[in-house]
Structures are given as C-alpha cells and as structure tokens.
Amino acid sequence: MSEILERYWQAYLGFGIPMTGLAMTIWILLLAVLFGTLLAIPMAIWRSSSNRWVSVPVQVYTFVFRGTPLYVQLLLVYTGLFSLSVVRGTPLLATFFRDGFNCVILAFTINTCAYMTEVLAGAIRSIPHGEIEAAQAFGFSRFRLYTKIILPSAFRRALPFYSNEVILVLHSTSLAFTATVPELLKVARDVNSATFNSLPAFGIAAILYAVLAMVLVALFRKAEKKWLGFLKPAAV
C-alpha cells in the first residue's frame, strides 16, 4: 500500500488540474446536491399542494426517478439521449451530451431532486398548522409565508433526512466512472489495472470515502444540534 500511495497519492486526492479522485468526487457531490436542492424547493411546494393538477405530475416524477436505479438513469442520459437525432443535430445539445461530466451532473441532479422533493414535501406537511395560521393572522403574503416561515422550518425539520440523502449521493458518485469521469473509483480502477494489486488500490479509495462520509456526518450532526433544538422535548 505504501508503494501505491507514494506513486499515486496525487491521483487519489486530485486537487489540481485536471481534477481527479477525491477532489472530483467532492465536486460532483457539491454540484448534484446544490442543483438538486434548488430544483427540489419549488417541486416540494407543488408536491405538497392540495391541487392535484400540480401535485400529481410531481408525484409521478419522484416515483419514476426514485423507483429506477441511478445507474440506469445515468446510462440513459450518457448514451441514450445522444443517440437521438435531434440531440446530435443540435450543436449545443451535442456538445453538452458528448461530455461525460455534464451527463453525470445532469443525471445526479435529476435523481437527487426527486429524493429531496419528497423529503422537503414531507417536512412542509409536518409543520404545525398553528405556525401557518399565526403568520396569516399577521398578514403575511403567500410569498413571505413560504420564505419566512414554511421553507426555513421545513429545511430544519428535514435536516436528518437531508443528511442521509447527501451520504447516499456521496456513495453514488462512484457510478460516475461509467461516463469516464475520473472520480475516486475510476482512479482506483486505473491504479488496479496498472499495478494488479487490488486490495490496496481499492482499499485506499474505501478509506477516503469513509473519511469524507465521517466529515459530512459530523458537520450535519453539528447543524442538527444547532437548528433542531426547538424540537427537543421541554425539560420537566
């Protein structure tokens, strides 16, 4: 293992140009979670709406993308869409879907959005109606009600489930090698091919995944302690 670390540690960490390994894994994670969350905010509002014309299409979307494997979704985006003549015939689309990194971010964003939508929608529905009635009594507009009361409260309540989804996205980044993106597992596979020493090649990757997961868990636990204190039962 020491020999592999000495020769390939830069590829495993990858904080350089071009970005590889751990750095690429973190970059994919950040972009997928960021874009997925931004898309999930309006989707969660529509999902929790009493208007079925609004909520049902979102429910179908989340059912499809939570009910099918991310690996299949990634293959459809990376190879399936580029096979369409309309995509190949449009220069902008052809350039976008020819890049494996773009396909990875798109597939991960759509998948993450589906899970985040259900998490946030459930958190919105769990908000006590008294909080909403109090804000309405103070004359809050619908926009102000969501931005000041509903969404901040929903994000705090969803934090434990949100952290689980982030960890799952971290684990899913290992599928990015399918699109030839040089993330952590792709580097480990390349090192294994070069050295024929599987245990240290994949073992180093496993350790880096575990360390990153522990850091994320610690950060989320700290955030939960700070922002979920109001949900603790009152001391008697």
Protein backbone atom coordinates (compact mmCIF):
# COMPACT_ATOMS: atom_id res chain seq x y z
CA MET A 1 0.00 0.00 0.00
CA SER A 2 2.84 2.39 0.81
CA GLU A 3 4.27 1.96 -2.69
CA ILE A 4 0.91 2.73 -4.31
CA LEU A 5 0.42 5.75 -2.07
CA GLU A 6 3.87 7.02 -2.95
CA ARG A 7 3.23 6.71 -6.70
CA TYR A 8 -0.46 7.59 -6.97
CA TRP A 9 -1.40 9.77 -3.99
CA GLN A 10 -1.77 12.84 -6.23
CA ALA A 11 -4.22 10.99 -8.48
CA TYR A 12 -6.22 9.75 -5.46
CA LEU A 13 -6.52 13.22 -3.93
CA GLY A 14 -6.68 15.05 -7.26
CA PHE A 15 -6.67 18.64 -6.01
CA GLY A 16 -5.06 20.03 -9.12
CA ILE A 17 -5.54 20.49 -12.84
CA PRO A 18 -7.04 18.32 -14.16
CA MET A 19 -9.16 17.44 -11.15
CA THR A 20 -9.31 13.73 -10.30
CA GLY A 21 -10.01 11.32 -7.44
CA LEU A 22 -11.29 12.72 -4.17
CA ALA A 23 -11.48 16.28 -5.48
CA MET A 24 -13.65 15.22 -8.41
CA THR A 25 -15.88 13.16 -6.10
CA ILE A 26 -16.42 16.17 -3.84
CA TRP A 27 -17.10 18.40 -6.84
CA ILE A 28 -19.73 16.02 -8.22
CA LEU A 29 -21.32 15.75 -4.77
CA LEU A 30 -21.48 19.52 -4.28
CA LEU A 31 -22.97 20.23 -7.70
CA ALA A 32 -25.52 17.41 -7.53
CA VAL A 33 -26.70 18.40 -4.05
CA LEU A 34 -26.76 22.13 -4.87
CA PHE A 35 -28.67 21.84 -8.15
CA GLY A 36 -30.88 19.05 -6.83
CA THR A 37 -31.87 21.11 -3.79
CA LEU A 38 -32.56 24.26 -5.81
CA LEU A 39 -34.85 22.32 -8.14
CA ALA A 40 -36.47 20.48 -5.23
CA ILE A 41 -37.67 23.66 -3.49
CA PRO A 42 -40.43 24.57 -6.00
CA MET A 43 -41.10 20.88 -6.67
CA ALA A 44 -41.69 20.24 -2.95
CA ILE A 45 -44.12 23.16 -2.78
CA TRP A 46 -46.05 21.75 -5.75
CA ARG A 47 -45.85 18.21 -4.29
CA SER A 48 -47.46 19.36 -1.04
CA SER A 49 -50.15 21.37 -2.84
CA SER A 50 -53.79 20.39 -2.46
CA ASN A 51 -54.25 21.00 -6.20
CA ARG A 52 -53.91 17.55 -7.81
CA TRP A 53 -53.16 19.08 -11.23
CA VAL A 54 -49.99 20.42 -9.63
CA SER A 55 -49.09 17.68 -7.15
CA VAL A 56 -49.73 14.55 -9.26
CA PRO A 57 -47.20 15.31 -12.05
CA VAL A 58 -44.54 15.89 -9.38
CA GLN A 59 -45.55 12.67 -7.65
CA VAL A 60 -45.16 10.77 -10.93
CA TYR A 61 -41.72 12.34 -11.47
CA THR A 62 -40.48 11.39 -7.99
CA PHE A 63 -41.94 7.88 -8.33
CA VAL A 64 -40.13 7.28 -11.62
CA PHE A 65 -36.74 8.60 -10.57
CA ARG A 66 -36.82 7.06 -7.09
CA GLY A 67 -38.13 3.78 -8.46
CA THR A 68 -35.44 3.23 -11.09
CA PRO A 69 -31.70 2.74 -10.48
CA LEU A 70 -29.45 5.78 -10.79
CA TYR A 71 -27.08 3.66 -12.88
CA VAL A 72 -29.79 3.12 -15.49
CA GLN A 73 -30.66 6.82 -15.46
CA LEU A 74 -27.01 7.71 -15.97
CA LEU A 75 -26.71 5.33 -18.93
CA LEU A 76 -29.87 6.77 -20.48
CA VAL A 77 -28.51 10.31 -20.16
CA TYR A 78 -24.95 9.46 -21.21
CA THR A 79 -25.64 7.10 -24.11
CA GLY A 80 -29.39 7.12 -24.71
CA LEU A 81 -30.03 10.81 -25.27
CA PHE A 82 -27.01 11.25 -27.54
CA SER A 83 -28.42 8.55 -29.81
CA LEU A 84 -31.38 10.80 -30.63
CA SER A 85 -31.06 12.60 -33.95
CA VAL A 86 -32.45 15.81 -32.50
CA VAL A 87 -29.65 15.86 -29.93
CA ARG A 88 -26.89 15.02 -32.41
CA GLY A 89 -28.31 17.53 -34.89
CA THR A 90 -28.32 20.43 -32.39
CA PRO A 91 -24.75 21.70 -31.87
CA LEU A 92 -25.37 22.95 -28.33
CA LEU A 93 -27.04 19.71 -27.18
CA ALA A 94 -24.47 17.57 -28.98
CA THR A 95 -21.62 19.40 -27.26
CA PHE A 96 -23.32 19.10 -23.87
CA PHE A 97 -24.15 15.39 -24.05
CA ARG A 98 -20.80 14.46 -25.56
CA ASP A 99 -19.15 15.49 -22.27
CA GLY A 100 -19.34 12.72 -19.67
CA PHE A 101 -19.08 15.15 -16.76
CA ASN A 102 -22.13 17.11 -17.97
CA CYS A 103 -24.13 13.89 -18.25
CA VAL A 104 -23.11 12.82 -14.74
CA ILE A 105 -24.17 16.14 -13.20
CA LEU A 106 -27.48 16.12 -15.09
CA ALA A 107 -28.35 12.54 -14.11
CA PHE A 108 -27.30 13.04 -10.49
CA THR A 109 -29.20 16.34 -10.25
CA ILE A 110 -32.45 14.86 -11.56
CA ASN A 111 -32.15 11.85 -9.26
CA THR A 112 -31.21 13.89 -6.20
CA CYS A 113 -34.02 16.34 -6.88
CA ALA A 114 -36.57 13.50 -6.79
CA TYR A 115 -35.44 12.39 -3.32
CA MET A 116 -35.04 15.92 -1.97
CA THR A 117 -38.52 16.82 -3.22
CA GLU A 118 -40.13 14.08 -1.16
CA VAL A 119 -38.01 14.94 1.88
CA LEU A 120 -38.91 18.64 1.75
CA ALA A 121 -42.56 17.96 0.92
CA GLY A 122 -42.84 15.70 3.95
CA ALA A 123 -41.20 18.36 6.11
CA ILE A 124 -43.61 21.01 4.81
CA ARG A 125 -46.59 18.81 5.66
CA SER A 126 -45.19 18.22 9.17
CA ILE A 127 -45.17 21.92 10.09
CA PRO A 128 -47.84 22.58 12.75
CA HIS A 129 -50.76 24.39 11.20
CA GLY A 130 -50.75 26.84 14.10
CA GLU A 131 -47.49 28.35 12.88
CA ILE A 132 -49.00 29.00 9.47
CA GLU A 133 -52.22 30.40 10.94
CA ALA A 134 -50.23 32.75 13.16
CA ALA A 135 -48.29 34.10 10.18
CA GLN A 136 -51.52 34.53 8.20
CA ALA A 137 -53.04 36.39 11.14
CA PHE A 138 -50.13 38.84 10.94
CA GLY A 139 -50.97 39.46 7.30
CA PHE A 140 -48.11 37.53 5.68
CA SER A 141 -48.38 37.25 1.90
CA ARG A 142 -48.05 33.78 0.36
CA PHE A 143 -44.50 34.54 -0.80
CA ARG A 144 -43.48 35.87 2.62
CA LEU A 145 -45.20 32.95 4.33
CA TYR A 146 -43.06 30.46 2.40
CA THR A 147 -39.78 32.38 2.59
CA LYS A 148 -40.03 33.37 6.26
CA ILE A 149 -41.98 30.53 7.90
CA ILE A 150 -42.61 27.40 5.86
CA LEU A 151 -39.33 26.82 4.00
CA PRO A 152 -36.96 27.71 6.89
CA SER A 153 -38.93 25.43 9.23
CA ALA A 154 -39.10 22.66 6.61
CA PHE A 155 -35.35 22.75 6.00
CA ARG A 156 -34.64 22.45 9.72
CA ARG A 157 -37.09 19.57 10.15
CA ALA A 158 -35.74 17.80 7.06
CA LEU A 159 -32.10 18.07 8.14
CA PRO A 160 -31.67 14.45 9.42
CA PHE A 161 -33.21 13.03 6.23
CA TYR A 162 -31.31 15.55 4.10
CA SER A 163 -28.03 14.38 5.62
CA ASN A 164 -28.87 10.76 4.77
CA GLU A 165 -29.52 11.73 1.16
CA VAL A 166 -26.22 13.59 0.92
CA ILE A 167 -24.36 10.49 2.14
CA LEU A 168 -26.22 8.38 -0.42
CA VAL A 169 -25.24 10.83 -3.16
CA LEU A 170 -21.63 10.54 -2.00
CA HIS A 171 -21.77 6.77 -2.38
CA SER A 172 -23.49 7.12 -5.76
CA THR A 173 -20.66 9.27 -7.14
CA SER A 174 -18.77 6.01 -7.65
CA LEU A 175 -21.05 5.40 -10.66
CA ALA A 176 -19.54 8.38 -12.47
CA PHE A 177 -16.75 6.16 -13.80
CA THR A 178 -19.38 4.86 -16.25
CA ALA A 179 -19.13 8.19 -18.07
CA THR A 180 -15.30 8.09 -17.87
CA VAL A 181 -15.25 10.84 -15.25
CA PRO A 182 -12.01 10.45 -13.22
CA GLU A 183 -13.57 10.35 -9.76
CA LEU A 184 -12.26 8.27 -6.87
CA LEU A 185 -13.39 4.83 -8.05
CA LYS A 186 -12.15 5.49 -11.60
CA VAL A 187 -8.71 6.34 -10.19
CA ALA A 188 -8.76 3.17 -8.06
CA ARG A 189 -9.68 1.08 -11.12
CA ASP A 190 -6.85 2.67 -13.12
CA VAL A 191 -4.37 2.03 -10.30
CA ASN A 192 -5.55 -1.57 -10.06
CA SER A 193 -5.08 -2.00 -13.82
CA ALA A 194 -1.57 -0.57 -13.62
CA THR A 195 -0.40 -2.48 -10.53
CA PHE A 196 -2.62 -5.63 -10.44
CA ASN A 197 -2.79 -5.05 -6.68
CA SER A 198 -6.49 -4.84 -5.97
CA LEU A 199 -6.55 -4.72 -2.18
CA PRO A 200 -4.55 -1.51 -1.67
CA ALA A 201 -5.85 0.07 -4.89
CA PHE A 202 -9.50 -0.18 -3.82
CA GLY A 203 -8.72 -0.10 -0.09
CA ILE A 204 -7.31 3.43 -0.33
CA ALA A 205 -10.45 4.54 -2.17
CA ALA A 206 -12.64 2.94 0.50
CA ILE A 207 -10.75 4.74 3.27
CA LEU A 208 -11.11 8.09 1.51
CA TYR A 209 -14.85 7.53 1.01
CA ALA A 210 -15.23 6.63 4.68
CA VAL A 211 -13.27 9.66 5.88
CA LEU A 212 -15.32 12.01 3.71
CA ALA A 213 -18.55 10.40 4.94
CA MET A 214 -17.46 10.82 8.57
CA VAL A 215 -16.69 14.50 7.96
CA LEU A 216 -20.13 15.03 6.41
CA VAL A 217 -21.87 13.20 9.26
CA ALA A 218 -20.02 15.31 11.84
CA LEU A 219 -21.00 18.52 10.06
CA PHE A 220 -24.64 17.52 9.84
CA ARG A 221 -24.72 16.44 13.49
CA LYS A 222 -23.39 19.86 14.45
CA ALA A 223 -26.01 21.53 12.28
CA GLU A 224 -28.79 19.40 13.77
CA LYS A 225 -27.68 20.27 17.29
CA LYS A 226 -27.82 23.96 16.41
CA TRP A 227 -31.01 24.14 14.37
CA LEU A 228 -33.16 21.30 15.73
CA GLY A 229 -33.01 22.24 19.40
CA PHE A 230 -36.59 23.55 19.26
CA LEU A 231 -37.85 20.02 18.55
CA LYS A 232 -36.41 18.58 21.76
CA PRO A 233 -38.98 17.84 24.48
CA ALA A 234 -39.09 20.52 27.13
CA ALA A 235 -37.39 19.70 30.42
CA VAL A 236 -39.80 18.91 33.22
